[in-house]
Amino acid sequence: MKTLREVACGQTAKVAKLTGDGPVKRRIMDMGITKGVDVFVRKAAPLGDPVEITVRGYELSIRKADAEMIFVE
């Protein structure tokens, strides 16, 4: 299993598991990133932080540290 951080730009992945502490995990879930949802990686900043994704029809920018807490398949 790999993290969202490892998904290449232009690829879609399905969220398999979320890790992290309570408030951080809750914030990720509040953004619409939950188990079973498809996430499309649009692009990454030149230094890799942040990563721009599309989830549930809207665009998000998430930090590299947050992307590493999201396991995908």
N, C-alpha and C. Protein backbone atom coordinates (compact mmCIF):
# COMPACT_ATOMS: atom_id res chain seq x y z
N MET A 1 0.86 -1.18 0.00
CA MET A 1 0.00 0.00 0.00
C MET A 1 0.90 1.24 0.00
N LYS A 2 0.52 2.24 -0.78
CA LYS A 2 1.32 3.46 -0.83
C LYS A 2 0.51 4.65 -0.35
N THR A 3 1.20 5.76 -0.11
CA THR A 3 0.52 6.96 0.37
C THR A 3 0.14 7.85 -0.81
N LEU A 4 -0.73 8.80 -0.56
CA LEU A 4 -1.14 9.74 -1.58
C LEU A 4 0.05 10.55 -2.09
N ARG A 5 1.02 10.75 -1.25
CA ARG A 5 2.24 11.49 -1.61
C ARG A 5 3.01 10.80 -2.74
N GLU A 6 2.91 9.47 -2.83
CA GLU A 6 3.64 8.69 -3.82
C GLU A 6 2.92 8.55 -5.15
N VAL A 7 1.67 8.99 -5.23
CA VAL A 7 0.91 8.90 -6.47
C VAL A 7 1.41 9.96 -7.44
N ALA A 8 1.65 9.55 -8.68
CA ALA A 8 2.18 10.48 -9.69
C ALA A 8 1.09 11.45 -10.16
N CYS A 9 1.50 12.60 -10.64
CA CYS A 9 0.57 13.59 -11.17
C CYS A 9 -0.19 12.98 -12.35
N GLY A 10 -1.48 13.28 -12.42
CA GLY A 10 -2.30 12.77 -13.50
C GLY A 10 -2.91 11.42 -13.23
N GLN A 11 -2.69 10.85 -12.06
CA GLN A 11 -3.25 9.54 -11.72
C GLN A 11 -4.35 9.66 -10.69
N THR A 12 -5.23 8.68 -10.71
CA THR A 12 -6.32 8.61 -9.74
C THR A 12 -6.08 7.42 -8.82
N ALA A 13 -6.38 7.59 -7.55
CA ALA A 13 -6.23 6.52 -6.57
C ALA A 13 -7.43 6.51 -5.64
N LYS A 14 -7.71 5.34 -5.08
CA LYS A 14 -8.83 5.19 -4.14
C LYS A 14 -8.27 5.16 -2.72
N VAL A 15 -8.86 5.95 -1.84
CA VAL A 15 -8.40 6.02 -0.45
C VAL A 15 -8.72 4.69 0.24
N ALA A 16 -7.69 4.10 0.85
CA ALA A 16 -7.85 2.82 1.54
C ALA A 16 -7.90 2.99 3.05
N LYS A 17 -7.10 3.94 3.58
CA LYS A 17 -7.00 4.09 5.03
C LYS A 17 -6.45 5.47 5.37
N LEU A 18 -6.93 6.02 6.48
CA LEU A 18 -6.41 7.29 6.99
C LEU A 18 -5.70 7.02 8.31
N THR A 19 -4.56 7.68 8.50
CA THR A 19 -3.84 7.56 9.77
C THR A 19 -3.73 8.95 10.38
N GLY A 20 -3.09 9.06 11.50
CA GLY A 20 -2.89 10.37 12.12
C GLY A 20 -3.65 10.51 13.43
N ASP A 21 -3.33 11.57 14.15
CA ASP A 21 -3.98 11.85 15.42
C ASP A 21 -5.41 12.34 15.20
N GLY A 22 -6.21 12.33 16.24
CA GLY A 22 -7.62 12.70 16.18
C GLY A 22 -7.93 13.98 15.43
N PRO A 23 -7.41 15.14 15.86
CA PRO A 23 -7.76 16.40 15.19
C PRO A 23 -7.28 16.47 13.74
N VAL A 24 -6.11 15.92 13.47
CA VAL A 24 -5.56 15.95 12.11
C VAL A 24 -6.39 15.05 11.20
N LYS A 25 -6.69 13.85 11.68
CA LYS A 25 -7.51 12.91 10.91
C LYS A 25 -8.90 13.49 10.67
N ARG A 26 -9.46 14.13 11.67
CA ARG A 26 -10.79 14.75 11.55
C ARG A 26 -10.78 15.85 10.48
N ARG A 27 -9.70 16.66 10.45
CA ARG A 27 -9.60 17.73 9.46
C ARG A 27 -9.53 17.16 8.04
N ILE A 28 -8.77 16.08 7.86
CA ILE A 28 -8.68 15.44 6.55
C ILE A 28 -10.05 14.91 6.13
N MET A 29 -10.76 14.29 7.06
CA MET A 29 -12.09 13.76 6.75
C MET A 29 -13.07 14.90 6.46
N ASP A 30 -12.94 16.02 7.16
CA ASP A 30 -13.82 17.16 6.93
C ASP A 30 -13.63 17.75 5.53
N MET A 31 -12.44 17.55 4.95
CA MET A 31 -12.18 18.02 3.58
C MET A 31 -12.80 17.10 2.54
N GLY A 32 -13.41 16.00 2.98
CA GLY A 32 -14.07 15.09 2.05
C GLY A 32 -13.22 13.88 1.67
N ILE A 33 -12.05 13.76 2.28
CA ILE A 33 -11.17 12.63 1.98
C ILE A 33 -11.49 11.53 2.98
N THR A 34 -12.30 10.56 2.55
CA THR A 34 -12.71 9.45 3.41
C THR A 34 -12.42 8.14 2.69
N LYS A 35 -12.49 7.05 3.43
CA LYS A 35 -12.22 5.73 2.88
C LYS A 35 -13.14 5.43 1.71
N GLY A 36 -12.56 4.95 0.60
CA GLY A 36 -13.34 4.55 -0.57
C GLY A 36 -13.52 5.63 -1.62
N VAL A 37 -13.15 6.87 -1.33
CA VAL A 37 -13.34 7.96 -2.29
C VAL A 37 -12.15 7.99 -3.27
N ASP A 38 -12.44 8.35 -4.53
CA ASP A 38 -11.38 8.49 -5.54
C ASP A 38 -10.77 9.87 -5.45
N VAL A 39 -9.44 9.91 -5.54
CA VAL A 39 -8.69 11.17 -5.47
C VAL A 39 -7.82 11.27 -6.72
N PHE A 40 -7.94 12.38 -7.44
CA PHE A 40 -7.14 12.61 -8.64
C PHE A 40 -6.04 13.61 -8.30
N VAL A 41 -4.80 13.23 -8.54
CA VAL A 41 -3.66 14.11 -8.25
C VAL A 41 -3.43 15.00 -9.47
N ARG A 42 -3.73 16.29 -9.33
CA ARG A 42 -3.61 17.23 -10.45
C ARG A 42 -2.17 17.65 -10.68
N LYS A 43 -1.52 18.15 -9.65
CA LYS A 43 -0.13 18.58 -9.79
C LYS A 43 0.49 18.79 -8.42
N ALA A 44 1.81 18.89 -8.42
CA ALA A 44 2.55 19.15 -7.19
C ALA A 44 3.42 20.37 -7.41
N ALA A 45 3.62 21.14 -6.36
CA ALA A 45 4.49 22.31 -6.44
C ALA A 45 5.92 21.85 -6.74
N PRO A 46 6.76 22.74 -7.26
CA PRO A 46 8.13 22.35 -7.64
C PRO A 46 8.91 21.63 -6.53
N LEU A 47 8.73 22.02 -5.30
CA LEU A 47 9.43 21.35 -4.20
C LEU A 47 8.57 20.25 -3.57
N GLY A 48 7.43 19.94 -4.17
CA GLY A 48 6.58 18.85 -3.71
C GLY A 48 5.57 19.23 -2.64
N ASP A 49 5.53 20.49 -2.25
CA ASP A 49 4.61 20.89 -1.19
C ASP A 49 3.98 22.23 -1.53
N PRO A 50 2.71 22.38 -1.69
CA PRO A 50 1.65 21.40 -1.47
C PRO A 50 1.36 20.57 -2.74
N VAL A 51 0.45 19.61 -2.57
CA VAL A 51 -0.02 18.76 -3.66
C VAL A 51 -1.44 19.19 -3.97
N GLU A 52 -1.75 19.39 -5.23
CA GLU A 52 -3.10 19.79 -5.62
C GLU A 52 -3.87 18.56 -6.09
N ILE A 53 -5.03 18.33 -5.47
CA ILE A 53 -5.83 17.15 -5.79
C ILE A 53 -7.27 17.56 -6.10
N THR A 54 -7.98 16.66 -6.77
CA THR A 54 -9.41 16.83 -7.00
C THR A 54 -10.12 15.67 -6.28
N VAL A 55 -11.06 16.02 -5.41
CA VAL A 55 -11.81 15.01 -4.66
C VAL A 55 -13.27 15.45 -4.57
N ARG A 56 -14.18 14.54 -4.88
CA ARG A 56 -15.62 14.82 -4.84
C ARG A 56 -16.02 16.04 -5.66
N GLY A 57 -15.32 16.27 -6.77
CA GLY A 57 -15.68 17.36 -7.68
C GLY A 57 -15.11 18.72 -7.34
N TYR A 58 -14.29 18.83 -6.32
CA TYR A 58 -13.68 20.12 -6.04
C TYR A 58 -12.17 19.96 -5.83
N GLU A 59 -11.45 21.06 -5.96
CA GLU A 59 -10.00 21.04 -5.90
C GLU A 59 -9.51 21.43 -4.51
N LEU A 60 -8.46 20.73 -4.07
CA LEU A 60 -7.86 20.98 -2.76
C LEU A 60 -6.35 21.04 -2.91
N SER A 61 -5.73 21.80 -2.06
CA SER A 61 -4.28 21.76 -1.92
C SER A 61 -3.99 21.25 -0.52
N ILE A 62 -3.23 20.16 -0.45
CA ILE A 62 -2.90 19.61 0.86
C ILE A 62 -1.39 19.54 1.04
N ARG A 63 -0.98 19.63 2.28
CA ARG A 63 0.45 19.58 2.59
C ARG A 63 0.99 18.17 2.39
N LYS A 64 2.29 18.12 2.15
CA LYS A 64 2.98 16.85 1.98
C LYS A 64 2.79 15.96 3.21
N ALA A 65 2.87 16.55 4.39
CA ALA A 65 2.72 15.79 5.63
C ALA A 65 1.33 15.16 5.73
N ASP A 66 0.30 15.89 5.28
CA ASP A 66 -1.06 15.35 5.29
C ASP A 66 -1.22 14.24 4.26
N ALA A 67 -0.61 14.42 3.08
CA ALA A 67 -0.69 13.42 2.02
C ALA A 67 -0.05 12.10 2.45
N GLU A 68 0.94 12.17 3.33
CA GLU A 68 1.60 10.96 3.81
C GLU A 68 0.74 10.18 4.80
N MET A 69 -0.32 10.78 5.31
CA MET A 69 -1.23 10.10 6.24
C MET A 69 -2.37 9.40 5.52
N ILE A 70 -2.45 9.57 4.20
CA ILE A 70 -3.55 9.01 3.42
C ILE A 70 -3.01 7.84 2.60
N PHE A 71 -3.44 6.63 2.94
CA PHE A 71 -3.00 5.44 2.20
C PHE A 71 -4.00 5.15 1.10
N VAL A 72 -3.47 4.83 -0.09
CA VAL A 72 -4.32 4.62 -1.26
C VAL A 72 -3.99 3.26 -1.90
N GLU A 73 -4.90 2.82 -2.76
CA GLU A 73 -4.66 1.59 -3.51
C GLU A 73 -4.85 1.83 -4.99
